[in-house]
Amino acid sequence: SYHLKILPFPHVVLRENKMIFGAHADRLQDGMRNSFGKAIGLAARVKPGQSLIIADVNEDGLEAAATALKRGSAKLPTPCRVVIEKLGD
């Protein structure tokens, strides 16, 4: 069995000001007026060395959890490392 906890919460709103190119595009858009854009997603600000994911596993599932976290770290846009610590009883 395992318990997976994702620590940083995405508070930052990502915005995009779409610009139209082509013929007569100047009639359809406002340029830099009201250029804050539409919300397209959320993100979390993470500092170097900050923990992203904590997985509590039994000793028999330790190897599987380490490989799963290593494979999952390839999907994140920052360099990651897996640190294994034994917790006290």
PDB file of N, CA and C in Angstrom:
ATOM      1  N   SER A   1       0.837  -1.180   0.000  1.00  0.00           N
ATOM      2  CA  SER A   1       0.000   0.000   0.000  1.00  0.00           C
ATOM      3  C   SER A   1       0.886   1.249   0.000  1.00  0.00           C
ATOM      4  N   TYR A   2       0.301   2.363  -0.397  1.00  0.00           N
ATOM      5  CA  TYR A   2       1.070   3.598  -0.479  1.00  0.00           C
ATOM      6  C   TYR A   2       0.168   4.791  -0.193  1.00  0.00           C
ATOM      7  N   HIS A   3       0.776   5.915   0.113  1.00  0.00           N
ATOM      8  CA  HIS A   3       0.079   7.181   0.290  1.00  0.00           C
ATOM      9  C   HIS A   3       0.877   8.225  -0.477  1.00  0.00           C
ATOM     10  N   LEU A   4       0.260   8.819  -1.504  1.00  0.00           N
ATOM     11  CA  LEU A   4       0.930   9.786  -2.374  1.00  0.00           C
ATOM     12  C   LEU A   4       0.386  11.174  -2.077  1.00  0.00           C
ATOM     13  N   LYS A   5       1.276  12.128  -1.840  1.00  0.00           N
ATOM     14  CA  LYS A   5       0.864  13.488  -1.524  1.00  0.00           C
ATOM     15  C   LYS A   5       1.611  14.460  -2.432  1.00  0.00           C
ATOM     16  N   ILE A   6       0.872  15.291  -3.165  1.00  0.00           N
ATOM     17  CA  ILE A   6       1.459  16.318  -4.032  1.00  0.00           C
ATOM     18  C   ILE A   6       1.424  17.630  -3.254  1.00  0.00           C
ATOM     19  N   LEU A   7       2.584  18.236  -3.042  1.00  0.00           N
ATOM     20  CA  LEU A   7       2.702  19.340  -2.094  1.00  0.00           C
ATOM     21  C   LEU A   7       2.377  20.729  -2.653  1.00  0.00           C
ATOM     22  N   PRO A   8       2.983  21.212  -3.733  1.00  0.00           N
ATOM     23  CA  PRO A   8       2.705  22.594  -4.138  1.00  0.00           C
ATOM     24  C   PRO A   8       1.314  22.725  -4.752  1.00  0.00           C
ATOM     25  N   PHE A   9       0.611  23.786  -4.385  1.00  0.00           N
ATOM     26  CA  PHE A   9      -0.730  24.031  -4.931  1.00  0.00           C
ATOM     27  C   PHE A   9      -0.628  25.093  -6.018  1.00  0.00           C
ATOM     28  N   PRO A  10      -1.268  24.895  -7.171  1.00  0.00           N
ATOM     29  CA  PRO A  10      -1.155  25.866  -8.272  1.00  0.00           C
ATOM     30  C   PRO A  10      -2.005  27.109  -8.023  1.00  0.00           C
ATOM     31  N   HIS A  11      -1.362  28.184  -7.552  1.00  0.00           N
ATOM     32  CA  HIS A  11      -2.056  29.443  -7.296  1.00  0.00           C
ATOM     33  C   HIS A  11      -1.906  30.439  -8.444  1.00  0.00           C
ATOM     34  N   VAL A  12      -0.875  30.297  -9.270  1.00  0.00           N
ATOM     35  CA  VAL A  12      -0.567  31.274 -10.306  1.00  0.00           C
ATOM     36  C   VAL A  12      -1.438  31.000 -11.533  1.00  0.00           C
ATOM     37  N   VAL A  13      -2.131  32.036 -12.017  1.00  0.00           N
ATOM     38  CA  VAL A  13      -2.991  31.905 -13.192  1.00  0.00           C
ATOM     39  C   VAL A  13      -2.178  32.270 -14.431  1.00  0.00           C
ATOM     40  N   LEU A  14      -2.114  31.362 -15.397  1.00  0.00           N
ATOM     41  CA  LEU A  14      -1.420  31.623 -16.652  1.00  0.00           C
ATOM     42  C   LEU A  14      -2.393  32.289 -17.617  1.00  0.00           C
ATOM     43  N   ARG A  15      -1.953  33.365 -18.254  1.00  0.00           N
ATOM     44  CA  ARG A  15      -2.827  34.116 -19.160  1.00  0.00           C
ATOM     45  C   ARG A  15      -2.181  34.242 -20.528  1.00  0.00           C
ATOM     46  N   GLU A  16      -3.033  34.401 -21.553  1.00  0.00           N
ATOM     47  CA  GLU A  16      -2.543  34.514 -22.919  1.00  0.00           C
ATOM     48  C   GLU A  16      -3.325  35.603 -23.635  1.00  0.00           C
ATOM     49  N   ASN A  17      -2.605  36.553 -24.249  1.00  0.00           N
ATOM     50  CA  ASN A  17      -3.220  37.580 -25.075  1.00  0.00           C
ATOM     51  C   ASN A  17      -3.081  37.133 -26.524  1.00  0.00           C
ATOM     52  N   LYS A  18      -4.155  36.575 -27.060  1.00  0.00           N
ATOM     53  CA  LYS A  18      -4.095  36.054 -28.423  1.00  0.00           C
ATOM     54  C   LYS A  18      -4.036  37.203 -29.419  1.00  0.00           C
ATOM     55  N   MET A  19      -3.117  37.082 -30.356  1.00  0.00           N
ATOM     56  CA  MET A  19      -2.968  38.082 -31.407  1.00  0.00           C
ATOM     57  C   MET A  19      -3.336  37.432 -32.736  1.00  0.00           C
ATOM     58  N   ILE A  20      -4.123  38.138 -33.526  1.00  0.00           N
ATOM     59  CA  ILE A  20      -4.570  37.625 -34.820  1.00  0.00           C
ATOM     60  C   ILE A  20      -3.705  38.250 -35.907  1.00  0.00           C
ATOM     61  N   PHE A  21      -3.214  37.425 -36.821  1.00  0.00           N
ATOM     62  CA  PHE A  21      -2.417  37.913 -37.938  1.00  0.00           C
ATOM     63  C   PHE A  21      -3.151  37.607 -39.238  1.00  0.00           C
ATOM     64  N   GLY A  22      -2.946  38.428 -40.204  1.00  0.00           N
ATOM     65  CA  GLY A  22      -3.570  38.202 -41.503  1.00  0.00           C
ATOM     66  C   GLY A  22      -4.310  39.450 -41.962  1.00  0.00           C
ATOM     67  N   ALA A  23      -5.019  39.314 -43.053  1.00  0.00           N
ATOM     68  CA  ALA A  23      -5.740  40.442 -43.639  1.00  0.00           C
ATOM     69  C   ALA A  23      -6.906  40.864 -42.742  1.00  0.00           C
ATOM     70  N   HIS A  24      -7.043  42.154 -42.532  1.00  0.00           N
ATOM     71  CA  HIS A  24      -8.118  42.773 -41.756  1.00  0.00           C
ATOM     72  C   HIS A  24      -8.124  42.330 -40.295  1.00  0.00           C
ATOM     73  N   ALA A  25      -6.988  41.917 -39.786  1.00  0.00           N
ATOM     74  CA  ALA A  25      -6.922  41.486 -38.394  1.00  0.00           C
ATOM     75  C   ALA A  25      -7.028  42.676 -37.444  1.00  0.00           C
ATOM     76  N   ASP A  26      -6.665  43.877 -37.927  1.00  0.00           N
ATOM     77  CA  ASP A  26      -6.717  45.049 -37.070  1.00  0.00           C
ATOM     78  C   ASP A  26      -8.150  45.419 -36.696  1.00  0.00           C
ATOM     79  N   ARG A  27      -9.116  44.982 -37.465  1.00  0.00           N
ATOM     80  CA  ARG A  27     -10.514  45.287 -37.149  1.00  0.00           C
ATOM     81  C   ARG A  27     -11.066  44.361 -36.069  1.00  0.00           C
ATOM     82  N   LEU A  28     -10.429  43.227 -35.848  1.00  0.00           N
ATOM     83  CA  LEU A  28     -10.963  42.223 -34.935  1.00  0.00           C
ATOM     84  C   LEU A  28     -10.338  42.252 -33.548  1.00  0.00           C
ATOM     85  N   GLN A  29      -9.206  42.923 -33.386  1.00  0.00           N
ATOM     86  CA  GLN A  29      -8.529  42.884 -32.089  1.00  0.00           C
ATOM     87  C   GLN A  29      -8.225  44.290 -31.605  1.00  0.00           C
ATOM     88  N   ASP A  30      -7.864  44.381 -30.334  1.00  0.00           N
ATOM     89  CA  ASP A  30      -7.613  45.674 -29.703  1.00  0.00           C
ATOM     90  C   ASP A  30      -6.140  45.955 -29.488  1.00  0.00           C
ATOM     91  N   GLY A  31      -5.254  45.092 -29.940  1.00  0.00           N
ATOM     92  CA  GLY A  31      -3.827  45.310 -29.753  1.00  0.00           C
ATOM     93  C   GLY A  31      -3.439  45.154 -28.300  1.00  0.00           C
ATOM     94  N   MET A  32      -2.806  46.184 -27.718  1.00  0.00           N
ATOM     95  CA  MET A  32      -2.368  46.104 -26.325  1.00  0.00           C
ATOM     96  C   MET A  32      -3.400  46.694 -25.358  1.00  0.00           C
ATOM     97  N   ARG A  33      -4.547  47.118 -25.830  1.00  0.00           N
ATOM     98  CA  ARG A  33      -5.605  47.584 -24.946  1.00  0.00           C
ATOM     99  C   ARG A  33      -6.253  46.364 -24.285  1.00  0.00           C
ATOM    100  N   ASN A  34      -6.396  46.388 -22.979  1.00  0.00           N
ATOM    101  CA  ASN A  34      -6.908  45.246 -22.205  1.00  0.00           C
ATOM    102  C   ASN A  34      -6.112  43.983 -22.532  1.00  0.00           C
ATOM    103  N   SER A  35      -4.802  44.073 -22.420  1.00  0.00           N
ATOM    104  CA  SER A  35      -3.931  42.986 -22.869  1.00  0.00           C
ATOM    105  C   SER A  35      -3.627  41.961 -21.782  1.00  0.00           C
ATOM    106  N   PHE A  36      -4.445  41.880 -20.754  1.00  0.00           N
ATOM    107  CA  PHE A  36      -4.194  40.903 -19.697  1.00  0.00           C
ATOM    108  C   PHE A  36      -4.458  39.494 -20.189  1.00  0.00           C
ATOM    109  N   GLY A  37      -5.340  39.332 -21.145  1.00  0.00           N
ATOM    110  CA  GLY A  37      -5.577  38.033 -21.751  1.00  0.00           C
ATOM    111  C   GLY A  37      -6.557  37.175 -20.983  1.00  0.00           C
ATOM    112  N   LYS A  38      -6.800  36.010 -21.542  1.00  0.00           N
ATOM    113  CA  LYS A  38      -7.709  35.046 -20.932  1.00  0.00           C
ATOM    114  C   LYS A  38      -6.901  34.026 -20.140  1.00  0.00           C
ATOM    115  N   ALA A  39      -7.506  33.521 -19.087  1.00  0.00           N
ATOM    116  CA  ALA A  39      -6.855  32.494 -18.280  1.00  0.00           C
ATOM    117  C   ALA A  39      -6.829  31.185 -19.058  1.00  0.00           C
ATOM    118  N   ILE A  40      -5.636  30.590 -19.193  1.00  0.00           N
ATOM    119  CA  ILE A  40      -5.512  29.333 -19.938  1.00  0.00           C
ATOM    120  C   ILE A  40      -5.063  28.180 -19.055  1.00  0.00           C
ATOM    121  N   GLY A  41      -4.685  28.446 -17.803  1.00  0.00           N
ATOM    122  CA  GLY A  41      -4.247  27.355 -16.936  1.00  0.00           C
ATOM    123  C   GLY A  41      -3.740  27.868 -15.601  1.00  0.00           C
ATOM    124  N   LEU A  42      -3.317  26.935 -14.768  1.00  0.00           N
ATOM    125  CA  LEU A  42      -2.773  27.245 -13.455  1.00  0.00           C
ATOM    126  C   LEU A  42      -1.370  26.669 -13.332  1.00  0.00           C
ATOM    127  N   ALA A  43      -0.552  27.285 -12.487  1.00  0.00           N
ATOM    128  CA  ALA A  43       0.812  26.807 -12.270  1.00  0.00           C
ATOM    129  C   ALA A  43       1.188  27.022 -10.809  1.00  0.00           C
ATOM    130  N   ALA A  44       2.187  26.282 -10.369  1.00  0.00           N
ATOM    131  CA  ALA A  44       2.715  26.429  -9.015  1.00  0.00           C
ATOM    132  C   ALA A  44       4.156  26.905  -9.108  1.00  0.00           C
ATOM    133  N   ARG A  45       4.508  27.892  -8.298  1.00  0.00           N
ATOM    134  CA  ARG A  45       5.892  28.355  -8.250  1.00  0.00           C
ATOM    135  C   ARG A  45       6.664  27.455  -7.297  1.00  0.00           C
ATOM    136  N   VAL A  46       7.764  26.903  -7.792  1.00  0.00           N
ATOM    137  CA  VAL A  46       8.552  25.954  -7.016  1.00  0.00           C
ATOM    138  C   VAL A  46       9.982  26.460  -6.933  1.00  0.00           C
ATOM    139  N   LYS A  47      10.533  26.445  -5.727  1.00  0.00           N
ATOM    140  CA  LYS A  47      11.914  26.873  -5.513  1.00  0.00           C
ATOM    141  C   LYS A  47      12.849  25.678  -5.633  1.00  0.00           C
ATOM    142  N   PRO A  48      14.126  25.911  -5.930  1.00  0.00           N
ATOM    143  CA  PRO A  48      15.080  24.794  -5.992  1.00  0.00           C
ATOM    144  C   PRO A  48      15.202  24.095  -4.642  1.00  0.00           C
ATOM    145  N   GLY A  49      15.171  22.778  -4.674  1.00  0.00           N
ATOM    146  CA  GLY A  49      15.271  21.985  -3.462  1.00  0.00           C
ATOM    147  C   GLY A  49      13.957  21.744  -2.749  1.00  0.00           C
ATOM    148  N   GLN A  50      12.861  22.313  -3.248  1.00  0.00           N
ATOM    149  CA  GLN A  50      11.555  22.131  -2.615  1.00  0.00           C
ATOM    150  C   GLN A  50      10.980  20.761  -2.966  1.00  0.00           C
ATOM    151  N   SER A  51      10.353  20.107  -2.005  1.00  0.00           N
ATOM    152  CA  SER A  51       9.743  18.799  -2.249  1.00  0.00           C
ATOM    153  C   SER A  51       8.466  18.968  -3.060  1.00  0.00           C
ATOM    154  N   LEU A  52       8.298  18.121  -4.067  1.00  0.00           N
ATOM    155  CA  LEU A  52       7.110  18.180  -4.910  1.00  0.00           C
ATOM    156  C   LEU A  52       6.115  17.085  -4.562  1.00  0.00           C
ATOM    157  N   ILE A  53       6.603  15.863  -4.402  1.00  0.00           N
ATOM    158  CA  ILE A  53       5.743  14.711  -4.150  1.00  0.00           C
ATOM    159  C   ILE A  53       6.337  13.904  -2.997  1.00  0.00           C
ATOM    160  N   ILE A  54       5.480  13.487  -2.082  1.00  0.00           N
ATOM    161  CA  ILE A  54       5.887  12.601  -0.992  1.00  0.00           C
ATOM    162  C   ILE A  54       5.096  11.312  -1.131  1.00  0.00           C
ATOM    163  N   ALA A  55       5.796  10.184  -1.123  1.00  0.00           N
ATOM    164  CA  ALA A  55       5.147   8.879  -1.214  1.00  0.00           C
ATOM    165  C   ALA A  55       5.539   8.055   0.006  1.00  0.00           C
ATOM    166  N   ASP A  56       4.548   7.671   0.796  1.00  0.00           N
ATOM    167  CA  ASP A  56       4.772   6.780   1.937  1.00  0.00           C
ATOM    168  C   ASP A  56       4.431   5.367   1.490  1.00  0.00           C
ATOM    169  N   VAL A  57       5.434   4.477   1.489  1.00  0.00           N
ATOM    170  CA  VAL A  57       5.223   3.102   1.028  1.00  0.00           C
ATOM    171  C   VAL A  57       5.813   2.125   2.040  1.00  0.00           C
ATOM    172  N   ASN A  58       5.373   0.872   1.945  1.00  0.00           N
ATOM    173  CA  ASN A  58       5.961  -0.200   2.746  1.00  0.00           C
ATOM    174  C   ASN A  58       7.306  -0.585   2.147  1.00  0.00           C
ATOM    175  N   GLU A  59       8.083  -1.355   2.886  1.00  0.00           N
ATOM    176  CA  GLU A  59       9.410  -1.741   2.392  1.00  0.00           C
ATOM    177  C   GLU A  59       9.339  -2.634   1.166  1.00  0.00           C
ATOM    178  N   ASP A  60       8.278  -3.440   1.041  1.00  0.00           N
ATOM    179  CA  ASP A  60       8.189  -4.318  -0.128  1.00  0.00           C
ATOM    180  C   ASP A  60       7.843  -3.542  -1.397  1.00  0.00           C
ATOM    181  N   GLY A  61       7.251  -2.361  -1.299  1.00  0.00           N
ATOM    182  CA  GLY A  61       6.917  -1.563  -2.475  1.00  0.00           C
ATOM    183  C   GLY A  61       7.858  -0.408  -2.707  1.00  0.00           C
ATOM    184  N   LEU A  62       8.991  -0.411  -2.016  1.00  0.00           N
ATOM    185  CA  LEU A  62       9.931   0.707  -2.108  1.00  0.00           C
ATOM    186  C   LEU A  62      10.558   0.820  -3.491  1.00  0.00           C
ATOM    187  N   GLU A  63      10.970  -0.297  -4.056  1.00  0.00           N
ATOM    188  CA  GLU A  63      11.620  -0.280  -5.376  1.00  0.00           C
ATOM    189  C   GLU A  63      10.647   0.170  -6.467  1.00  0.00           C
ATOM    190  N   ALA A  64       9.412  -0.308  -6.410  1.00  0.00           N
ATOM    191  CA  ALA A  64       8.406   0.076  -7.408  1.00  0.00           C
ATOM    192  C   ALA A  64       8.061   1.557  -7.299  1.00  0.00           C
ATOM    193  N   ALA A  65       7.982   2.074  -6.080  1.00  0.00           N
ATOM    194  CA  ALA A  65       7.674   3.492  -5.893  1.00  0.00           C
ATOM    195  C   ALA A  65       8.815   4.374  -6.387  1.00  0.00           C
ATOM    196  N   ALA A  66      10.053   3.953  -6.162  1.00  0.00           N
ATOM    197  CA  ALA A  66      11.204   4.739  -6.614  1.00  0.00           C
ATOM    198  C   ALA A  66      11.259   4.807  -8.134  1.00  0.00           C
ATOM    199  N   THR A  67      11.003   3.685  -8.811  1.00  0.00           N
ATOM    200  CA  THR A  67      11.008   3.712 -10.278  1.00  0.00           C
ATOM    201  C   THR A  67       9.826   4.507 -10.820  1.00  0.00           C
ATOM    202  N   ALA A  68       8.676   4.444 -10.152  1.00  0.00           N
ATOM    203  CA  ALA A  68       7.511   5.211 -10.602  1.00  0.00           C
ATOM    204  C   ALA A  68       7.755   6.709 -10.466  1.00  0.00           C
ATOM    205  N   LEU A  69       8.369   7.126  -9.362  1.00  0.00           N
ATOM    206  CA  LEU A  69       8.676   8.543  -9.188  1.00  0.00           C
ATOM    207  C   LEU A  69       9.749   9.006 -10.165  1.00  0.00           C
ATOM    208  N   LYS A  70      10.708   8.142 -10.470  1.00  0.00           N
ATOM    209  CA  LYS A  70      11.751   8.496 -11.436  1.00  0.00           C
ATOM    210  C   LYS A  70      11.159   8.664 -12.831  1.00  0.00           C
ATOM    211  N   ARG A  71      10.241   7.773 -13.213  1.00  0.00           N
ATOM    212  CA  ARG A  71       9.588   7.900 -14.522  1.00  0.00           C
ATOM    213  C   ARG A  71       8.680   9.122 -14.570  1.00  0.00           C
ATOM    214  N   GLY A  72       8.005   9.399 -13.483  1.00  0.00           N
ATOM    215  CA  GLY A  72       7.126  10.563 -13.434  1.00  0.00           C
ATOM    216  C   GLY A  72       7.877  11.876 -13.437  1.00  0.00           C
ATOM    217  N   SER A  73       9.116  11.876 -12.955  1.00  0.00           N
ATOM    218  CA  SER A  73       9.896  13.114 -12.934  1.00  0.00           C
ATOM    219  C   SER A  73      10.276  13.574 -14.336  1.00  0.00           C
ATOM    220  N   ALA A  74      10.263  12.661 -15.304  1.00  0.00           N
ATOM    221  CA  ALA A  74      10.566  13.047 -16.681  1.00  0.00           C
ATOM    222  C   ALA A  74       9.460  13.908 -17.277  1.00  0.00           C
ATOM    223  N   LYS A  75       8.263  13.840 -16.721  1.00  0.00           N
ATOM    224  CA  LYS A  75       7.133  14.625 -17.219  1.00  0.00           C
ATOM    225  C   LYS A  75       7.098  16.034 -16.642  1.00  0.00           C
ATOM    226  N   LEU A  76       7.900  16.313 -15.641  1.00  0.00           N
ATOM    227  CA  LEU A  76       7.917  17.629 -15.019  1.00  0.00           C
ATOM    228  C   LEU A  76       8.939  18.527 -15.711  1.00  0.00           C
ATOM    229  N   PRO A  77       8.662  19.835 -15.820  1.00  0.00           N
ATOM    230  CA  PRO A  77       9.553  20.736 -16.554  1.00  0.00           C
ATOM    231  C   PRO A  77      10.728  21.262 -15.736  1.00  0.00           C
ATOM    232  N   THR A  78      11.161  20.536 -14.749  1.00  0.00           N
ATOM    233  CA  THR A  78      12.282  20.959 -13.922  1.00  0.00           C
ATOM    234  C   THR A  78      13.130  19.736 -13.581  1.00  0.00           C
ATOM    235  N   PRO A  79      14.420  19.900 -13.352  1.00  0.00           N
ATOM    236  CA  PRO A  79      15.225  18.745 -12.950  1.00  0.00           C
ATOM    237  C   PRO A  79      14.771  18.222 -11.587  1.00  0.00           C
ATOM    238  N   CYS A  80      14.581  16.919 -11.490  1.00  0.00           N
ATOM    239  CA  CYS A  80      14.091  16.294 -10.254  1.00  0.00           C
ATOM    240  C   CYS A  80      15.019  15.168  -9.833  1.00  0.00           C
ATOM    241  N   ARG A  81      14.985  14.851  -8.550  1.00  0.00           N
ATOM    242  CA  ARG A  81      15.717  13.707  -8.031  1.00  0.00           C
ATOM    243  C   ARG A  81      14.840  13.020  -7.000  1.00  0.00           C
ATOM    244  N   VAL A  82      15.044  11.725  -6.854  1.00  0.00           N
ATOM    245  CA  VAL A  82      14.277  10.918  -5.910  1.00  0.00           C
ATOM    246  C   VAL A  82      15.135  10.694  -4.672  1.00  0.00           C
ATOM    247  N   VAL A  83      14.630  11.097  -3.520  1.00  0.00           N
ATOM    248  CA  VAL A  83      15.329  10.940  -2.252  1.00  0.00           C
ATOM    249  C   VAL A  83      14.542   9.940  -1.414  1.00  0.00           C
ATOM    250  N   ILE A  84      15.218   8.895  -0.931  1.00  0.00           N
ATOM    251  CA  ILE A  84      14.575   7.860  -0.127  1.00  0.00           C
ATOM    252  C   ILE A  84      15.008   8.037   1.322  1.00  0.00           C
ATOM    253  N   GLU A  85      14.029   8.208   2.211  1.00  0.00           N
ATOM    254  CA  GLU A  85      14.299   8.368   3.632  1.00  0.00           C
ATOM    255  C   GLU A  85      13.483   7.347   4.407  1.00  0.00           C
ATOM    256  N   LYS A  86      14.082   6.783   5.435  1.00  0.00           N
ATOM    257  CA  LYS A  86      13.363   5.852   6.297  1.00  0.00           C
ATOM    258  C   LYS A  86      12.781   6.638   7.461  1.00  0.00           C
ATOM    259  N   LEU A  87      11.481   6.491   7.663  1.00  0.00           N
ATOM    260  CA  LEU A  87      10.805   7.206   8.734  1.00  0.00           C
ATOM    261  C   LEU A  87      10.848   6.391  10.012  1.00  0.00           C
ATOM    262  N   GLY A  88      10.888   7.072  11.145  1.00  0.00           N
ATOM    263  CA  GLY A  88      10.882   6.393  12.432  1.00  0.00           C
ATOM    264  C   GLY A  88       9.504   5.852  12.763  1.00  0.00           C
ATOM    265  N   ASP A  89       9.456   4.864  13.632  1.00  0.00           N
ATOM    266  CA  ASP A  89       8.167   4.259  13.993  1.00  0.00           C
ATOM    267  C   ASP A  89       7.397   5.087  14.970  1.00  0.00           C
TER     268      ASP A  89
END
